[in-house]
Amino acid sequence: MSSVVVVYELDQLAAEPAVRRVHAAPAAPGSTSVRGPRTMCGRDTFAMETADRQPSDRPGTPWYDPAHAALVCPDCDAAMADA
């Protein structure tokens, strides 16, 4: 699998921007840490924030931060499971 970058869709209307949804995005060509233009579910990554934690190569390890498990995009999660 090519490199994947975890990105956060933020709730900009909150007093302080908070994570609204966690997405996975393919890395930009030639990079392992810069997000590509679209998430696995097809959303534009322009306004998203790149997460500090990136997916592990270890089998059985979630691609997202377990603290954000309730916020994971189901479409990105399905795409990551198929990858």
Protein backbone atom coordinates (compact mmCIF):
# COMPACT_ATOMS: atom_id res chain seq x y z
CA MET A 1 0.00 0.00 0.00
CA SER A 2 1.23 3.50 -0.74
CA SER A 3 1.68 5.96 2.10
CA VAL A 4 -1.40 7.25 3.88
CA VAL A 5 -1.74 10.47 5.85
CA VAL A 6 -4.31 10.94 8.62
CA VAL A 7 -6.17 14.24 8.36
CA TYR A 8 -8.68 16.00 10.57
CA GLU A 9 -11.81 17.72 9.33
CA LEU A 10 -12.25 20.54 11.83
CA ASP A 11 -15.41 22.13 13.17
CA GLN A 12 -14.59 25.74 12.32
CA LEU A 13 -17.78 27.09 13.95
CA ALA A 14 -16.72 26.02 17.43
CA ALA A 15 -15.11 28.58 19.76
CA GLU A 16 -11.85 26.68 19.25
CA PRO A 17 -11.53 24.48 16.16
CA ALA A 18 -12.18 20.88 17.19
CA VAL A 19 -11.86 17.60 15.31
CA ARG A 20 -15.17 16.88 13.62
CA ARG A 21 -14.16 13.81 11.57
CA VAL A 22 -10.98 11.76 11.05
CA HIS A 23 -10.11 10.86 7.45
CA ALA A 24 -7.36 8.97 5.62
CA ALA A 25 -5.78 10.48 2.51
CA PRO A 26 -3.20 9.08 0.12
CA ALA A 27 0.12 10.87 0.44
CA ALA A 28 1.02 13.33 -2.28
CA PRO A 29 3.22 11.90 -5.04
CA GLY A 30 6.85 11.68 -3.94
CA SER A 31 5.98 12.18 -0.26
CA THR A 32 5.11 10.06 2.74
CA SER A 33 3.90 12.85 5.02
CA VAL A 34 2.17 15.44 2.78
CA ARG A 35 -1.50 14.77 2.16
CA GLY A 36 -2.86 14.42 -1.32
CA PRO A 37 -5.78 16.53 -2.58
CA ARG A 38 -8.58 14.09 -1.67
CA THR A 39 -9.38 11.73 1.19
CA MET A 40 -10.16 8.06 0.64
CA CYS A 41 -13.86 9.01 0.74
CA GLY A 42 -13.40 11.73 -1.88
CA ARG A 43 -13.43 14.88 0.27
CA ASP A 44 -11.15 17.81 -0.51
CA THR A 45 -8.25 17.98 1.99
CA PHE A 46 -7.54 21.69 1.44
CA ALA A 47 -9.10 22.89 4.71
CA MET A 48 -8.12 19.82 6.73
CA GLU A 49 -5.32 19.59 9.27
CA THR A 50 -2.68 16.87 9.05
CA ALA A 51 -2.59 14.75 12.20
CA ASP A 52 0.66 14.35 14.14
CA ARG A 53 0.14 10.58 14.36
CA GLN A 54 0.37 8.64 11.14
CA PRO A 55 -0.65 5.03 10.46
CA SER A 56 1.60 2.26 11.69
CA ASP A 57 2.84 -0.52 9.44
CA ARG A 58 2.13 -3.03 12.22
CA PRO A 59 -0.82 -5.33 11.45
CA GLY A 60 -3.78 -4.94 13.77
CA THR A 61 -2.88 -1.37 14.69
CA PRO A 62 -5.61 1.19 13.89
CA TRP A 63 -4.68 3.76 11.25
CA TYR A 64 -6.21 6.52 13.41
CA ASP A 65 -5.55 7.74 16.94
CA PRO A 66 -7.70 5.52 19.21
CA ALA A 67 -8.73 8.67 21.13
CA HIS A 68 -10.65 9.71 17.99
CA ALA A 69 -12.23 6.30 17.26
CA ALA A 70 -15.78 7.68 17.49
CA LEU A 71 -14.94 10.34 14.86
CA VAL A 72 -13.49 8.09 12.15
CA CYS A 73 -15.07 8.48 8.72
CA PRO A 74 -16.74 5.13 7.96
CA ASP A 75 -15.95 5.39 4.23
CA CYS A 76 -12.25 6.05 4.86
CA ASP A 77 -12.18 3.24 7.42
CA ALA A 78 -13.70 0.83 4.88
CA ALA A 79 -11.16 1.92 2.25
CA MET A 80 -8.31 1.38 4.69
CA ALA A 81 -9.64 -2.09 5.57
CA ASP A 82 -9.67 -3.00 1.87
CA ALA A 83 -6.16 -1.65 1.27
